Amino acid sequence: MTAKEYLSQAYRLDQRINSNIEEVTMLREMANSISSPSWGEKVQTSRSTEAPFVRSLEKIMDLEDTINKEIDTLVCLKKQIRTVIEAVQNTDERLVLRYRYIHNCTWEQIGNELNADARTIRRWHGEALLKVKVPEKPIVI
């Protein structure tokens, strides 16, 4: 695994968590909505005694468990990434890595924060990646 692949994992995991949170929100809306009655004739061989929203609530609980596990993994991963970034000696390069991989900033945002142009930021980033040492037992998502 390259340094860039390792460092980029936090962003991907964060995106996955956000996607799952959106899905939980939609499931909650479905569980809270009232279904319209069916006026047509309905033939049913076996009748479910559960309320229709129960399945949605079960899915919500499962997804929330998944989200909590992913958040725990993200916290551990970011802690490990911070340790790796702190090992980089150059302050500018270390800041670029922190803004990019811990705070998920764009190149433009990093340039504004560090008062440097995009070319300089990318150069610092490239040099910093060469100095990053991926841990022996990295957290892999």
C-alpha atoms as a PDB file:
ATOM      1  CA  MET A   1       0.000   0.000   0.000  1.00  0.00           C
ATOM      2  CA  THR A   2       1.387   3.375  -0.983  1.00  0.00           C
ATOM      3  CA  ALA A   3       1.451   6.357   1.352  1.00  0.00           C
ATOM      4  CA  LYS A   4      -1.236   8.136  -0.663  1.00  0.00           C
ATOM      5  CA  GLU A   5      -3.543   5.085  -0.618  1.00  0.00           C
ATOM      6  CA  TYR A   6      -3.059   4.729   3.111  1.00  0.00           C
ATOM      7  CA  LEU A   7      -3.728   8.399   3.860  1.00  0.00           C
ATOM      8  CA  SER A   8      -6.752   8.555   1.516  1.00  0.00           C
ATOM      9  CA  GLN A   9      -8.598   5.844   3.435  1.00  0.00           C
ATOM     10  CA  ALA A  10      -9.913   8.320   6.022  1.00  0.00           C
ATOM     11  CA  TYR A  11     -11.655  10.393   3.333  1.00  0.00           C
ATOM     12  CA  ARG A  12     -13.289   7.320   1.794  1.00  0.00           C
ATOM     13  CA  LEU A  13     -14.450   6.013   5.156  1.00  0.00           C
ATOM     14  CA  ASP A  14     -15.824   9.451   6.038  1.00  0.00           C
ATOM     15  CA  GLN A  15     -17.775   9.488   2.767  1.00  0.00           C
ATOM     16  CA  ARG A  16     -19.160   6.008   3.476  1.00  0.00           C
ATOM     17  CA  ILE A  17     -20.293   7.100   6.939  1.00  0.00           C
ATOM     18  CA  ASN A  18     -22.014  10.178   5.506  1.00  0.00           C
ATOM     19  CA  SER A  19     -23.780   8.023   2.914  1.00  0.00           C
ATOM     20  CA  ASN A  20     -25.020   5.649   5.617  1.00  0.00           C
ATOM     21  CA  ILE A  21     -26.258   8.591   7.703  1.00  0.00           C
ATOM     22  CA  GLU A  22     -28.259   9.843   4.707  1.00  0.00           C
ATOM     23  CA  GLU A  23     -29.759   6.380   4.309  1.00  0.00           C
ATOM     24  CA  VAL A  24     -30.751   6.289   7.995  1.00  0.00           C
ATOM     25  CA  THR A  25     -32.431   9.668   7.557  1.00  0.00           C
ATOM     26  CA  MET A  26     -34.454   8.363   4.608  1.00  0.00           C
ATOM     27  CA  LEU A  27     -35.418   5.205   6.511  1.00  0.00           C
ATOM     28  CA  ARG A  28     -36.582   7.315   9.460  1.00  0.00           C
ATOM     29  CA  GLU A  29     -38.740   9.384   7.145  1.00  0.00           C
ATOM     30  CA  MET A  30     -40.241   6.192   5.731  1.00  0.00           C
ATOM     31  CA  ALA A  31     -40.871   4.791   9.215  1.00  0.00           C
ATOM     32  CA  ASN A  32     -42.608   7.990  10.304  1.00  0.00           C
ATOM     33  CA  SER A  33     -44.753   8.339   7.205  1.00  0.00           C
ATOM     34  CA  ILE A  34     -48.291   7.045   7.065  1.00  0.00           C
ATOM     35  CA  SER A  35     -49.047   4.626   4.284  1.00  0.00           C
ATOM     36  CA  SER A  36     -52.240   5.149   2.339  1.00  0.00           C
ATOM     37  CA  PRO A  37     -55.028   2.623   2.751  1.00  0.00           C
ATOM     38  CA  SER A  38     -55.740   0.156   0.000  1.00  0.00           C
ATOM     39  CA  TRP A  39     -59.406   0.279  -1.018  1.00  0.00           C
ATOM     40  CA  GLY A  40     -59.200  -2.575  -3.486  1.00  0.00           C
ATOM     41  CA  GLU A  41     -59.905  -6.187  -2.662  1.00  0.00           C
ATOM     42  CA  LYS A  42     -56.882  -7.906  -1.245  1.00  0.00           C
ATOM     43  CA  VAL A  43     -56.338 -11.646  -0.992  1.00  0.00           C
ATOM     44  CA  GLN A  44     -53.676 -12.645   1.466  1.00  0.00           C
ATOM     45  CA  THR A  45     -52.760 -16.193   2.394  1.00  0.00           C
ATOM     46  CA  SER A  46     -50.727 -15.329   5.464  1.00  0.00           C
ATOM     47  CA  ARG A  47     -51.167 -12.156   7.372  1.00  0.00           C
ATOM     48  CA  SER A  48     -48.251 -10.348   8.963  1.00  0.00           C
ATOM     49  CA  THR A  49     -49.013  -9.144  12.459  1.00  0.00           C
ATOM     50  CA  GLU A  50     -46.166  -6.623  12.419  1.00  0.00           C
ATOM     51  CA  ALA A  51     -46.775  -2.981  11.758  1.00  0.00           C
ATOM     52  CA  PRO A  52     -45.312  -1.914   8.392  1.00  0.00           C
ATOM     53  CA  PHE A  53     -42.755   0.427   9.972  1.00  0.00           C
ATOM     54  CA  VAL A  54     -41.132  -2.341  12.049  1.00  0.00           C
ATOM     55  CA  ARG A  55     -38.966  -3.520   9.145  1.00  0.00           C
ATOM     56  CA  SER A  56     -37.750   0.046   8.645  1.00  0.00           C
ATOM     57  CA  LEU A  57     -36.891   0.332  12.331  1.00  0.00           C
ATOM     58  CA  GLU A  58     -34.894  -2.907  12.189  1.00  0.00           C
ATOM     59  CA  LYS A  59     -32.969  -1.632   9.173  1.00  0.00           C
ATOM     60  CA  ILE A  60     -32.322   1.655  10.975  1.00  0.00           C
ATOM     61  CA  MET A  61     -30.915  -0.133  14.019  1.00  0.00           C
ATOM     62  CA  ASP A  62     -28.658  -2.345  11.879  1.00  0.00           C
ATOM     63  CA  LEU A  63     -27.401   0.623   9.884  1.00  0.00           C
ATOM     64  CA  GLU A  64     -26.774   2.658  13.047  1.00  0.00           C
ATOM     65  CA  ASP A  65     -24.677  -0.211  14.430  1.00  0.00           C
ATOM     66  CA  THR A  66     -22.677  -0.227  11.195  1.00  0.00           C
ATOM     67  CA  ILE A  67     -22.217   3.550  11.372  1.00  0.00           C
ATOM     68  CA  ASN A  68     -20.996   3.360  14.972  1.00  0.00           C
ATOM     69  CA  LYS A  69     -18.444   0.674  14.061  1.00  0.00           C
ATOM     70  CA  GLU A  70     -17.257   2.728  11.087  1.00  0.00           C
ATOM     71  CA  ILE A  71     -16.923   5.837  13.260  1.00  0.00           C
ATOM     72  CA  ASP A  72     -14.809   3.881  15.745  1.00  0.00           C
ATOM     73  CA  THR A  73     -12.616   2.684  12.871  1.00  0.00           C
ATOM     74  CA  LEU A  74     -12.349   6.252  11.504  1.00  0.00           C
ATOM     75  CA  VAL A  75     -11.255   7.596  14.890  1.00  0.00           C
ATOM     76  CA  CYS A  76      -8.545   4.921  15.183  1.00  0.00           C
ATOM     77  CA  LEU A  77      -7.440   5.455  11.582  1.00  0.00           C
ATOM     78  CA  LYS A  78      -7.186   9.246  11.986  1.00  0.00           C
ATOM     79  CA  LYS A  79      -5.200   8.784  15.183  1.00  0.00           C
ATOM     80  CA  GLN A  80      -2.774   6.503  13.334  1.00  0.00           C
ATOM     81  CA  ILE A  81      -2.597   8.913  10.380  1.00  0.00           C
ATOM     82  CA  ARG A  82      -1.833  11.826  12.742  1.00  0.00           C
ATOM     83  CA  THR A  83       1.078   9.851  14.178  1.00  0.00           C
ATOM     84  CA  VAL A  84       2.398   9.119  10.679  1.00  0.00           C
ATOM     85  CA  ILE A  85       2.054  12.768   9.627  1.00  0.00           C
ATOM     86  CA  GLU A  86       3.798  14.054  12.761  1.00  0.00           C
ATOM     87  CA  ALA A  87       6.865  12.015  11.776  1.00  0.00           C
ATOM     88  CA  VAL A  88       7.356  14.255   8.692  1.00  0.00           C
ATOM     89  CA  GLN A  89      10.038  16.803   9.610  1.00  0.00           C
ATOM     90  CA  ASN A  90       9.163  19.743   7.339  1.00  0.00           C
ATOM     91  CA  THR A  91       6.434  21.923   8.857  1.00  0.00           C
ATOM     92  CA  ASP A  92       4.906  23.033   5.545  1.00  0.00           C
ATOM     93  CA  GLU A  93       4.722  19.480   4.239  1.00  0.00           C
ATOM     94  CA  ARG A  94       3.251  18.287   7.531  1.00  0.00           C
ATOM     95  CA  LEU A  95       0.582  21.003   7.395  1.00  0.00           C
ATOM     96  CA  VAL A  96      -0.337  20.111   3.805  1.00  0.00           C
ATOM     97  CA  LEU A  97      -0.796  16.468   4.827  1.00  0.00           C
ATOM     98  CA  ARG A  98      -2.876  17.427   7.874  1.00  0.00           C
ATOM     99  CA  TYR A  99      -5.167  19.740   5.910  1.00  0.00           C
ATOM    100  CA  ARG A 100      -5.544  17.229   3.089  1.00  0.00           C
ATOM    101  CA  TYR A 101      -5.951  13.927   4.937  1.00  0.00           C
ATOM    102  CA  ILE A 102      -7.209  14.865   8.399  1.00  0.00           C
ATOM    103  CA  HIS A 103      -9.425  17.852   7.547  1.00  0.00           C
ATOM    104  CA  ASN A 104     -10.312  16.765   3.974  1.00  0.00           C
ATOM    105  CA  CYS A 105      -9.564  20.206   2.540  1.00  0.00           C
ATOM    106  CA  THR A 106      -9.304  20.895  -1.192  1.00  0.00           C
ATOM    107  CA  TRP A 107      -6.067  22.134  -2.743  1.00  0.00           C
ATOM    108  CA  GLU A 108      -7.511  25.653  -2.960  1.00  0.00           C
ATOM    109  CA  GLN A 109      -8.489  25.665   0.713  1.00  0.00           C
ATOM    110  CA  ILE A 110      -5.032  24.464   1.709  1.00  0.00           C
ATOM    111  CA  GLY A 111      -3.445  27.172  -0.447  1.00  0.00           C
ATOM    112  CA  ASN A 112      -5.588  29.828   1.233  1.00  0.00           C
ATOM    113  CA  GLU A 113      -4.698  28.544   4.697  1.00  0.00           C
ATOM    114  CA  LEU A 114      -0.957  28.376   4.012  1.00  0.00           C
ATOM    115  CA  ASN A 115      -0.817  31.461   1.751  1.00  0.00           C
ATOM    116  CA  ALA A 116       0.737  29.526  -1.113  1.00  0.00           C
ATOM    117  CA  ASP A 117      -0.228  28.895  -4.719  1.00  0.00           C
ATOM    118  CA  ALA A 118      -1.576  25.562  -5.946  1.00  0.00           C
ATOM    119  CA  ARG A 119       1.721  24.558  -7.542  1.00  0.00           C
ATOM    120  CA  THR A 120       3.636  25.027  -4.316  1.00  0.00           C
ATOM    121  CA  ILE A 121       1.018  23.096  -2.347  1.00  0.00           C
ATOM    122  CA  ARG A 122       1.168  20.185  -4.778  1.00  0.00           C
ATOM    123  CA  ARG A 123       4.975  20.228  -4.706  1.00  0.00           C
ATOM    124  CA  TRP A 124       4.982  20.141  -0.895  1.00  0.00           C
ATOM    125  CA  HIS A 125       2.426  17.357  -1.011  1.00  0.00           C
ATOM    126  CA  GLY A 126       4.526  15.272  -3.403  1.00  0.00           C
ATOM    127  CA  GLU A 127       7.654  15.758  -1.314  1.00  0.00           C
ATOM    128  CA  ALA A 128       5.768  14.919   1.879  1.00  0.00           C
ATOM    129  CA  LEU A 129       4.375  11.685   0.419  1.00  0.00           C
ATOM    130  CA  LEU A 130       7.946  10.548  -0.267  1.00  0.00           C
ATOM    131  CA  LYS A 131       8.755  11.027   3.427  1.00  0.00           C
ATOM    132  CA  VAL A 132       5.658   9.287   4.819  1.00  0.00           C
ATOM    133  CA  LYS A 133       6.321   5.875   6.305  1.00  0.00           C
ATOM    134  CA  VAL A 134       3.255   3.635   6.275  1.00  0.00           C
ATOM    135  CA  PRO A 135       3.011   1.749   9.605  1.00  0.00           C
ATOM    136  CA  GLU A 136       3.909  -1.936   9.716  1.00  0.00           C
ATOM    137  CA  LYS A 137       0.350  -2.838  10.692  1.00  0.00           C
ATOM    138  CA  PRO A 138      -1.786  -0.146   9.073  1.00  0.00           C
ATOM    139  CA  ILE A 139      -5.529   0.019   9.558  1.00  0.00           C
ATOM    140  CA  VAL A 140      -7.023  -1.017   6.229  1.00  0.00           C
ATOM    141  CA  ILE A 141     -10.649  -0.378   5.370  1.00  0.00           C
END
